[in-house]
Amino acid sequence: MRIEHQVRAFEQIYKNYDGVLPLHRFLFTYFKQNKQMGSSDRRWATRYIYSFFRLGRALLKLEPIERLAIADFLCHNTSSLIV
């Protein structure tokens, strides 16, 4: 259940981010509007979205969730539930 919630939070952030604001400002505003997300949820969502965007234009043919799993594996030495 927990991983499904984390992936759903990532997907919502990814869908809502239009690139107009810098990512850190967008996340601040997004988390302020979604107060139901606890500190752990915010931490995981931030980790996932930054890892995802660090891939840049690599692996564009893959689905976003597959790119997320690869990005999280490449960007962090600690394991996550998504990998």
PDB file of N, CA and C in Angstrom:
ATOM      1  N   MET A   1       0.826  -1.205   0.000  1.00  0.00           N
ATOM      2  CA  MET A   1       0.000   0.000   0.000  1.00  0.00           C
ATOM      3  C   MET A   1       0.863   1.258   0.000  1.00  0.00           C
ATOM      4  N   ARG A   2       1.908   1.251   0.778  1.00  0.00           N
ATOM      5  CA  ARG A   2       2.752   2.433   0.902  1.00  0.00           C
ATOM      6  C   ARG A   2       3.385   2.822  -0.428  1.00  0.00           C
ATOM      7  N   ILE A   3       3.912   1.839  -1.144  1.00  0.00           N
ATOM      8  CA  ILE A   3       4.569   2.135  -2.414  1.00  0.00           C
ATOM      9  C   ILE A   3       3.560   2.676  -3.424  1.00  0.00           C
ATOM     10  N   GLU A   4       2.352   2.163  -3.406  1.00  0.00           N
ATOM     11  CA  GLU A   4       1.324   2.657  -4.326  1.00  0.00           C
ATOM     12  C   GLU A   4       1.016   4.125  -4.057  1.00  0.00           C
ATOM     13  N   HIS A   5       0.983   4.484  -2.788  1.00  0.00           N
ATOM     14  CA  HIS A   5       0.732   5.876  -2.412  1.00  0.00           C
ATOM     15  C   HIS A   5       1.884   6.771  -2.873  1.00  0.00           C
ATOM     16  N   GLN A   6       3.117   6.299  -2.710  1.00  0.00           N
ATOM     17  CA  GLN A   6       4.283   7.084  -3.124  1.00  0.00           C
ATOM     18  C   GLN A   6       4.311   7.274  -4.634  1.00  0.00           C
ATOM     19  N   VAL A   7       4.010   6.233  -5.369  1.00  0.00           N
ATOM     20  CA  VAL A   7       3.994   6.322  -6.830  1.00  0.00           C
ATOM     21  C   VAL A   7       2.874   7.247  -7.287  1.00  0.00           C
ATOM     22  N   ARG A   8       1.726   7.162  -6.658  1.00  0.00           N
ATOM     23  CA  ARG A   8       0.602   8.036  -7.010  1.00  0.00           C
ATOM     24  C   ARG A   8       0.959   9.505  -6.743  1.00  0.00           C
ATOM     25  N   ALA A   9       1.648   9.769  -5.624  1.00  0.00           N
ATOM     26  CA  ALA A   9       2.077  11.141  -5.320  1.00  0.00           C
ATOM     27  C   ALA A   9       3.062  11.636  -6.374  1.00  0.00           C
ATOM     28  N   PHE A  10       4.017  10.773  -6.768  1.00  0.00           N
ATOM     29  CA  PHE A  10       4.965  11.145  -7.825  1.00  0.00           C
ATOM     30  C   PHE A  10       4.226  11.468  -9.118  1.00  0.00           C
ATOM     31  N   GLU A  11       3.287  10.610  -9.500  1.00  0.00           N
ATOM     32  CA  GLU A  11       2.551  10.808 -10.754  1.00  0.00           C
ATOM     33  C   GLU A  11       1.754  12.110 -10.741  1.00  0.00           C
ATOM     34  N   GLN A  12       1.163  12.450  -9.608  1.00  0.00           N
ATOM     35  CA  GLN A  12       0.408  13.701  -9.516  1.00  0.00           C
ATOM     36  C   GLN A  12       1.330  14.904  -9.654  1.00  0.00           C
ATOM     37  N   ILE A  13       2.473  14.859  -8.990  1.00  0.00           N
ATOM     38  CA  ILE A  13       3.419  15.970  -9.089  1.00  0.00           C
ATOM     39  C   ILE A  13       3.925  16.090 -10.516  1.00  0.00           C
ATOM     40  N   TYR A  14       4.296  14.968 -11.118  1.00  0.00           N
ATOM     41  CA  TYR A  14       4.812  14.968 -12.488  1.00  0.00           C
ATOM     42  C   TYR A  14       3.770  15.512 -13.466  1.00  0.00           C
ATOM     43  N   LYS A  15       2.520  15.121 -13.271  1.00  0.00           N
ATOM     44  CA  LYS A  15       1.442  15.565 -14.159  1.00  0.00           C
ATOM     45  C   LYS A  15       1.180  17.065 -14.008  1.00  0.00           C
ATOM     46  N   ASN A  16       1.296  17.581 -12.795  1.00  0.00           N
ATOM     47  CA  ASN A  16       0.989  18.987 -12.535  1.00  0.00           C
ATOM     48  C   ASN A  16       2.145  19.937 -12.822  1.00  0.00           C
ATOM     49  N   TYR A  17       3.363  19.436 -12.883  1.00  0.00           N
ATOM     50  CA  TYR A  17       4.521  20.317 -13.088  1.00  0.00           C
ATOM     51  C   TYR A  17       4.624  20.704 -14.553  1.00  0.00           C
ATOM     52  N   ASP A  18       4.545  22.002 -14.816  1.00  0.00           N
ATOM     53  CA  ASP A  18       4.582  22.489 -16.197  1.00  0.00           C
ATOM     54  C   ASP A  18       5.917  23.115 -16.585  1.00  0.00           C
ATOM     55  N   GLY A  19       6.843  23.249 -15.659  1.00  0.00           N
ATOM     56  CA  GLY A  19       8.163  23.776 -15.972  1.00  0.00           C
ATOM     57  C   GLY A  19       8.262  25.288 -15.926  1.00  0.00           C
ATOM     58  N   VAL A  20       7.178  25.987 -15.632  1.00  0.00           N
ATOM     59  CA  VAL A  20       7.219  27.447 -15.572  1.00  0.00           C
ATOM     60  C   VAL A  20       8.024  27.901 -14.357  1.00  0.00           C
ATOM     61  N   LEU A  21       7.711  27.352 -13.205  1.00  0.00           N
ATOM     62  CA  LEU A  21       8.455  27.653 -11.980  1.00  0.00           C
ATOM     63  C   LEU A  21       9.632  26.699 -11.851  1.00  0.00           C
ATOM     64  N   PRO A  22      10.696  27.132 -11.160  1.00  0.00           N
ATOM     65  CA  PRO A  22      11.739  26.162 -10.820  1.00  0.00           C
ATOM     66  C   PRO A  22      11.124  25.051  -9.959  1.00  0.00           C
ATOM     67  N   LEU A  23      11.677  23.863 -10.064  1.00  0.00           N
ATOM     68  CA  LEU A  23      11.078  22.701  -9.399  1.00  0.00           C
ATOM     69  C   LEU A  23      10.955  22.895  -7.888  1.00  0.00           C
ATOM     70  N   HIS A  24      11.975  23.465  -7.249  1.00  0.00           N
ATOM     71  CA  HIS A  24      11.906  23.616  -5.794  1.00  0.00           C
ATOM     72  C   HIS A  24      10.781  24.569  -5.377  1.00  0.00           C
ATOM     73  N   ARG A  25      10.503  25.596  -6.165  1.00  0.00           N
ATOM     74  CA  ARG A  25       9.402  26.509  -5.855  1.00  0.00           C
ATOM     75  C   ARG A  25       8.049  25.833  -6.100  1.00  0.00           C
ATOM     76  N   PHE A  26       7.971  25.064  -7.171  1.00  0.00           N
ATOM     77  CA  PHE A  26       6.738  24.335  -7.457  1.00  0.00           C
ATOM     78  C   PHE A  26       6.431  23.356  -6.331  1.00  0.00           C
ATOM     79  N   LEU A  27       7.448  22.609  -5.870  1.00  0.00           N
ATOM     80  CA  LEU A  27       7.229  21.630  -4.803  1.00  0.00           C
ATOM     81  C   LEU A  27       6.777  22.309  -3.520  1.00  0.00           C
ATOM     82  N   PHE A  28       7.379  23.450  -3.193  1.00  0.00           N
ATOM     83  CA  PHE A  28       6.982  24.192  -1.999  1.00  0.00           C
ATOM     84  C   PHE A  28       5.493  24.538  -2.067  1.00  0.00           C
ATOM     85  N   THR A  29       5.067  25.059  -3.204  1.00  0.00           N
ATOM     86  CA  THR A  29       3.663  25.425  -3.393  1.00  0.00           C
ATOM     87  C   THR A  29       2.762  24.193  -3.393  1.00  0.00           C
ATOM     88  N   TYR A  30       3.198  23.142  -4.063  1.00  0.00           N
ATOM     89  CA  TYR A  30       2.404  21.910  -4.140  1.00  0.00           C
ATOM     90  C   TYR A  30       2.188  21.319  -2.747  1.00  0.00           C
ATOM     91  N   PHE A  31       3.250  21.242  -1.953  1.00  0.00           N
ATOM     92  CA  PHE A  31       3.128  20.667  -0.616  1.00  0.00           C
ATOM     93  C   PHE A  31       2.297  21.565   0.297  1.00  0.00           C
ATOM     94  N   LYS A  32       2.355  22.861   0.071  1.00  0.00           N
ATOM     95  CA  LYS A  32       1.546  23.776   0.867  1.00  0.00           C
ATOM     96  C   LYS A  32       0.060  23.576   0.571  1.00  0.00           C
ATOM     97  N   GLN A  33      -0.266  23.282  -0.682  1.00  0.00           N
ATOM     98  CA  GLN A  33      -1.655  23.053  -1.073  1.00  0.00           C
ATOM     99  C   GLN A  33      -2.141  21.660  -0.680  1.00  0.00           C
ATOM    100  N   ASN A  34      -1.228  20.715  -0.498  1.00  0.00           N
ATOM    101  CA  ASN A  34      -1.585  19.330  -0.170  1.00  0.00           C
ATOM    102  C   ASN A  34      -1.062  18.983   1.216  1.00  0.00           C
ATOM    103  N   LYS A  35      -1.678  19.582   2.204  1.00  0.00           N
ATOM    104  CA  LYS A  35      -1.210  19.431   3.581  1.00  0.00           C
ATOM    105  C   LYS A  35      -1.411  18.031   4.136  1.00  0.00           C
ATOM    106  N   GLN A  36      -2.187  17.210   3.447  1.00  0.00           N
ATOM    107  CA  GLN A  36      -2.396  15.848   3.925  1.00  0.00           C
ATOM    108  C   GLN A  36      -1.134  15.005   3.792  1.00  0.00           C
ATOM    109  N   MET A  37      -0.176  15.462   2.997  1.00  0.00           N
ATOM    110  CA  MET A  37       1.081  14.723   2.837  1.00  0.00           C
ATOM    111  C   MET A  37       1.960  14.989   4.056  1.00  0.00           C
ATOM    112  N   GLY A  38       2.358  13.929   4.725  1.00  0.00           N
ATOM    113  CA  GLY A  38       3.228  14.059   5.877  1.00  0.00           C
ATOM    114  C   GLY A  38       4.670  14.283   5.460  1.00  0.00           C
ATOM    115  N   SER A  39       5.548  14.417   6.437  1.00  0.00           N
ATOM    116  CA  SER A  39       6.952  14.703   6.133  1.00  0.00           C
ATOM    117  C   SER A  39       7.605  13.554   5.378  1.00  0.00           C
ATOM    118  N   SER A  40       7.264  12.338   5.718  1.00  0.00           N
ATOM    119  CA  SER A  40       7.823  11.184   5.013  1.00  0.00           C
ATOM    120  C   SER A  40       7.340  11.145   3.563  1.00  0.00           C
ATOM    121  N   ASP A  41       6.065  11.429   3.359  1.00  0.00           N
ATOM    122  CA  ASP A  41       5.516  11.475   1.995  1.00  0.00           C
ATOM    123  C   ASP A  41       6.198  12.553   1.169  1.00  0.00           C
ATOM    124  N   ARG A  42       6.399  13.718   1.769  1.00  0.00           N
ATOM    125  CA  ARG A  42       7.071  14.813   1.058  1.00  0.00           C
ATOM    126  C   ARG A  42       8.507  14.440   0.719  1.00  0.00           C
ATOM    127  N   ARG A  43       9.183  13.792   1.645  1.00  0.00           N
ATOM    128  CA  ARG A  43      10.578  13.393   1.423  1.00  0.00           C
ATOM    129  C   ARG A  43      10.681  12.397   0.269  1.00  0.00           C
ATOM    130  N   TRP A  44       9.819  11.380   0.259  1.00  0.00           N
ATOM    131  CA  TRP A  44       9.863  10.390  -0.823  1.00  0.00           C
ATOM    132  C   TRP A  44       9.465  11.006  -2.158  1.00  0.00           C
ATOM    133  N   ALA A  45       8.441  11.841  -2.162  1.00  0.00           N
ATOM    134  CA  ALA A  45       8.003  12.474  -3.412  1.00  0.00           C
ATOM    135  C   ALA A  45       9.100  13.369  -3.976  1.00  0.00           C
ATOM    136  N   THR A  46       9.773  14.112  -3.106  1.00  0.00           N
ATOM    137  CA  THR A  46      10.874  14.972  -3.546  1.00  0.00           C
ATOM    138  C   THR A  46      12.015  14.138  -4.091  1.00  0.00           C
ATOM    139  N   ARG A  47      12.356  13.074  -3.397  1.00  0.00           N
ATOM    140  CA  ARG A  47      13.428  12.187  -3.869  1.00  0.00           C
ATOM    141  C   ARG A  47      13.102  11.640  -5.258  1.00  0.00           C
ATOM    142  N   TYR A  48      11.887  11.156  -5.433  1.00  0.00           N
ATOM    143  CA  TYR A  48      11.502  10.555  -6.708  1.00  0.00           C
ATOM    144  C   TYR A  48      11.474  11.580  -7.843  1.00  0.00           C
ATOM    145  N   ILE A  49      10.915  12.747  -7.605  1.00  0.00           N
ATOM    146  CA  ILE A  49      10.780  13.717  -8.693  1.00  0.00           C
ATOM    147  C   ILE A  49      12.139  14.276  -9.102  1.00  0.00           C
ATOM    148  N   TYR A  50      13.030  14.524  -8.133  1.00  0.00           N
ATOM    149  CA  TYR A  50      14.370  15.006  -8.483  1.00  0.00           C
ATOM    150  C   TYR A  50      15.161  13.920  -9.206  1.00  0.00           C
ATOM    151  N   SER A  51      15.072  12.693  -8.752  1.00  0.00           N
ATOM    152  CA  SER A  51      15.765  11.596  -9.441  1.00  0.00           C
ATOM    153  C   SER A  51      15.265  11.473 -10.869  1.00  0.00           C
ATOM    154  N   PHE A  52      13.963  11.576 -11.039  1.00  0.00           N
ATOM    155  CA  PHE A  52      13.361  11.461 -12.367  1.00  0.00           C
ATOM    156  C   PHE A  52      13.892  12.541 -13.306  1.00  0.00           C
ATOM    157  N   PHE A  53      13.932  13.777 -12.851  1.00  0.00           N
ATOM    158  CA  PHE A  53      14.384  14.861 -13.718  1.00  0.00           C
ATOM    159  C   PHE A  53      15.895  14.864 -13.915  1.00  0.00           C
ATOM    160  N   ARG A  54      16.632  14.226 -13.026  1.00  0.00           N
ATOM    161  CA  ARG A  54      18.080  14.115 -13.226  1.00  0.00           C
ATOM    162  C   ARG A  54      18.427  13.235 -14.419  1.00  0.00           C
ATOM    163  N   LEU A  55      17.535  12.366 -14.818  1.00  0.00           N
ATOM    164  CA  LEU A  55      17.765  11.557 -16.018  1.00  0.00           C
ATOM    165  C   LEU A  55      17.803  12.418 -17.275  1.00  0.00           C
ATOM    166  N   GLY A  56      17.166  13.560 -17.222  1.00  0.00           N
ATOM    167  CA  GLY A  56      17.135  14.437 -18.393  1.00  0.00           C
ATOM    168  C   GLY A  56      16.377  13.795 -19.539  1.00  0.00           C
ATOM    169  N   ARG A  57      17.013  13.747 -20.704  1.00  0.00           N
ATOM    170  CA  ARG A  57      16.348  13.212 -21.889  1.00  0.00           C
ATOM    171  C   ARG A  57      16.703  11.752 -22.140  1.00  0.00           C
ATOM    172  N   ALA A  58      17.344  11.124 -21.188  1.00  0.00           N
ATOM    173  CA  ALA A  58      17.707   9.709 -21.339  1.00  0.00           C
ATOM    174  C   ALA A  58      16.469   8.827 -21.173  1.00  0.00           C
ATOM    175  N   LEU A  59      16.426   7.770 -21.916  1.00  0.00           N
ATOM    176  CA  LEU A  59      15.382   6.738 -21.801  1.00  0.00           C
ATOM    177  C   LEU A  59      13.964   7.278 -22.015  1.00  0.00           C
ATOM    178  N   LEU A  60      13.814   8.198 -22.927  1.00  0.00           N
ATOM    179  CA  LEU A  60      12.498   8.810 -23.163  1.00  0.00           C
ATOM    180  C   LEU A  60      11.459   7.835 -23.692  1.00  0.00           C
ATOM    181  N   LYS A  61      11.897   6.738 -24.278  1.00  0.00           N
ATOM    182  CA  LYS A  61      10.939   5.785 -24.850  1.00  0.00           C
ATOM    183  C   LYS A  61      10.278   4.906 -23.792  1.00  0.00           C
ATOM    184  N   LEU A  62      10.824   4.892 -22.595  1.00  0.00           N
ATOM    185  CA  LEU A  62      10.241   4.093 -21.517  1.00  0.00           C
ATOM    186  C   LEU A  62       9.084   4.839 -20.869  1.00  0.00           C
ATOM    187  N   GLU A  63       8.240   4.082 -20.204  1.00  0.00           N
ATOM    188  CA  GLU A  63       7.146   4.668 -19.435  1.00  0.00           C
ATOM    189  C   GLU A  63       7.732   5.453 -18.256  1.00  0.00           C
ATOM    190  N   PRO A  64       7.032   6.501 -17.794  1.00  0.00           N
ATOM    191  CA  PRO A  64       7.552   7.301 -16.679  1.00  0.00           C
ATOM    192  C   PRO A  64       7.861   6.483 -15.426  1.00  0.00           C
ATOM    193  N   ILE A  65       7.071   5.470 -15.117  1.00  0.00           N
ATOM    194  CA  ILE A  65       7.320   4.682 -13.907  1.00  0.00           C
ATOM    195  C   ILE A  65       8.596   3.855 -14.045  1.00  0.00           C
ATOM    196  N   GLU A  66       8.879   3.369 -15.248  1.00  0.00           N
ATOM    197  CA  GLU A  66      10.125   2.638 -15.486  1.00  0.00           C
ATOM    198  C   GLU A  66      11.315   3.580 -15.396  1.00  0.00           C
ATOM    199  N   ARG A  67      11.168   4.771 -15.958  1.00  0.00           N
ATOM    200  CA  ARG A  67      12.235   5.767 -15.863  1.00  0.00           C
ATOM    201  C   ARG A  67      12.480   6.144 -14.408  1.00  0.00           C
ATOM    202  N   LEU A  68      11.416   6.232 -13.628  1.00  0.00           N
ATOM    203  CA  LEU A  68      11.551   6.560 -12.211  1.00  0.00           C
ATOM    204  C   LEU A  68      12.353   5.493 -11.482  1.00  0.00           C
ATOM    205  N   ALA A  69      12.047   4.230 -11.726  1.00  0.00           N
ATOM    206  CA  ALA A  69      12.767   3.136 -11.064  1.00  0.00           C
ATOM    207  C   ALA A  69      14.251   3.169 -11.419  1.00  0.00           C
ATOM    208  N   ILE A  70      14.564   3.383 -12.688  1.00  0.00           N
ATOM    209  CA  ILE A  70      15.963   3.441 -13.120  1.00  0.00           C
ATOM    210  C   ILE A  70      16.647   4.662 -12.524  1.00  0.00           C
ATOM    211  N   ALA A  71      15.977   5.799 -12.551  1.00  0.00           N
ATOM    212  CA  ALA A  71      16.555   7.031 -12.015  1.00  0.00           C
ATOM    213  C   ALA A  71      16.836   6.908 -10.531  1.00  0.00           C
ATOM    214  N   ASP A  72      15.905   6.334  -9.787  1.00  0.00           N
ATOM    215  CA  ASP A  72      16.111   6.189  -8.347  1.00  0.00           C
ATOM    216  C   ASP A  72      17.266   5.241  -8.057  1.00  0.00           C
ATOM    217  N   PHE A  73      17.395   4.194  -8.836  1.00  0.00           N
ATOM    218  CA  PHE A  73      18.504   3.254  -8.673  1.00  0.00           C
ATOM    219  C   PHE A  73      19.840   3.942  -8.947  1.00  0.00           C
ATOM    220  N   LEU A  74      19.898   4.750  -9.995  1.00  0.00           N
ATOM    221  CA  LEU A  74      21.149   5.403 -10.373  1.00  0.00           C
ATOM    222  C   LEU A  74      21.539   6.555  -9.451  1.00  0.00           C
ATOM    223  N   CYS A  75      20.570   7.230  -8.878  1.00  0.00           N
ATOM    224  CA  CYS A  75      20.846   8.446  -8.110  1.00  0.00           C
ATOM    225  C   CYS A  75      21.073   8.222  -6.619  1.00  0.00           C
ATOM    226  N   HIS A  76      20.721   7.069  -6.100  1.00  0.00           N
ATOM    227  CA  HIS A  76      20.794   6.871  -4.643  1.00  0.00           C
ATOM    228  C   HIS A  76      21.448   5.538  -4.300  1.00  0.00           C
ATOM    229  N   ASN A  77      22.266   5.547  -3.240  1.00  0.00           N
ATOM    230  CA  ASN A  77      22.864   4.278  -2.804  1.00  0.00           C
ATOM    231  C   ASN A  77      21.967   3.544  -1.818  1.00  0.00           C
ATOM    232  N   THR A  78      20.973   4.207  -1.285  1.00  0.00           N
ATOM    233  CA  THR A  78      20.038   3.518  -0.401  1.00  0.00           C
ATOM    234  C   THR A  78      18.893   2.972  -1.241  1.00  0.00           C
ATOM    235  N   SER A  79      18.433   1.816  -0.879  1.00  0.00           N
ATOM    236  CA  SER A  79      17.370   1.202  -1.678  1.00  0.00           C
ATOM    237  C   SER A  79      16.037   1.886  -1.402  1.00  0.00           C
ATOM    238  N   SER A  80      15.186   1.836  -2.380  1.00  0.00           N
ATOM    239  CA  SER A  80      13.838   2.364  -2.213  1.00  0.00           C
ATOM    240  C   SER A  80      12.859   1.243  -2.526  1.00  0.00           C
ATOM    241  N   LEU A  81      11.622   1.482  -2.236  1.00  0.00           N
ATOM    242  CA  LEU A  81      10.600   0.465  -2.465  1.00  0.00           C
ATOM    243  C   LEU A  81      10.242   0.333  -3.932  1.00  0.00           C
ATOM    244  N   ILE A  82      10.596   1.327  -4.726  1.00  0.00           N
ATOM    245  CA  ILE A  82      10.197   1.326  -6.131  1.00  0.00           C
ATOM    246  C   ILE A  82      11.098   0.452  -6.986  1.00  0.00           C
ATOM    247  N   VAL A  83      12.318   0.237  -6.574  1.00  0.00           N
ATOM    248  CA  VAL A  83      13.282  -0.526  -7.393  1.00  0.00           C
ATOM    249  C   VAL A  83      13.031  -2.001  -7.271  1.00  0.00           C
TER     250      VAL A  83
END
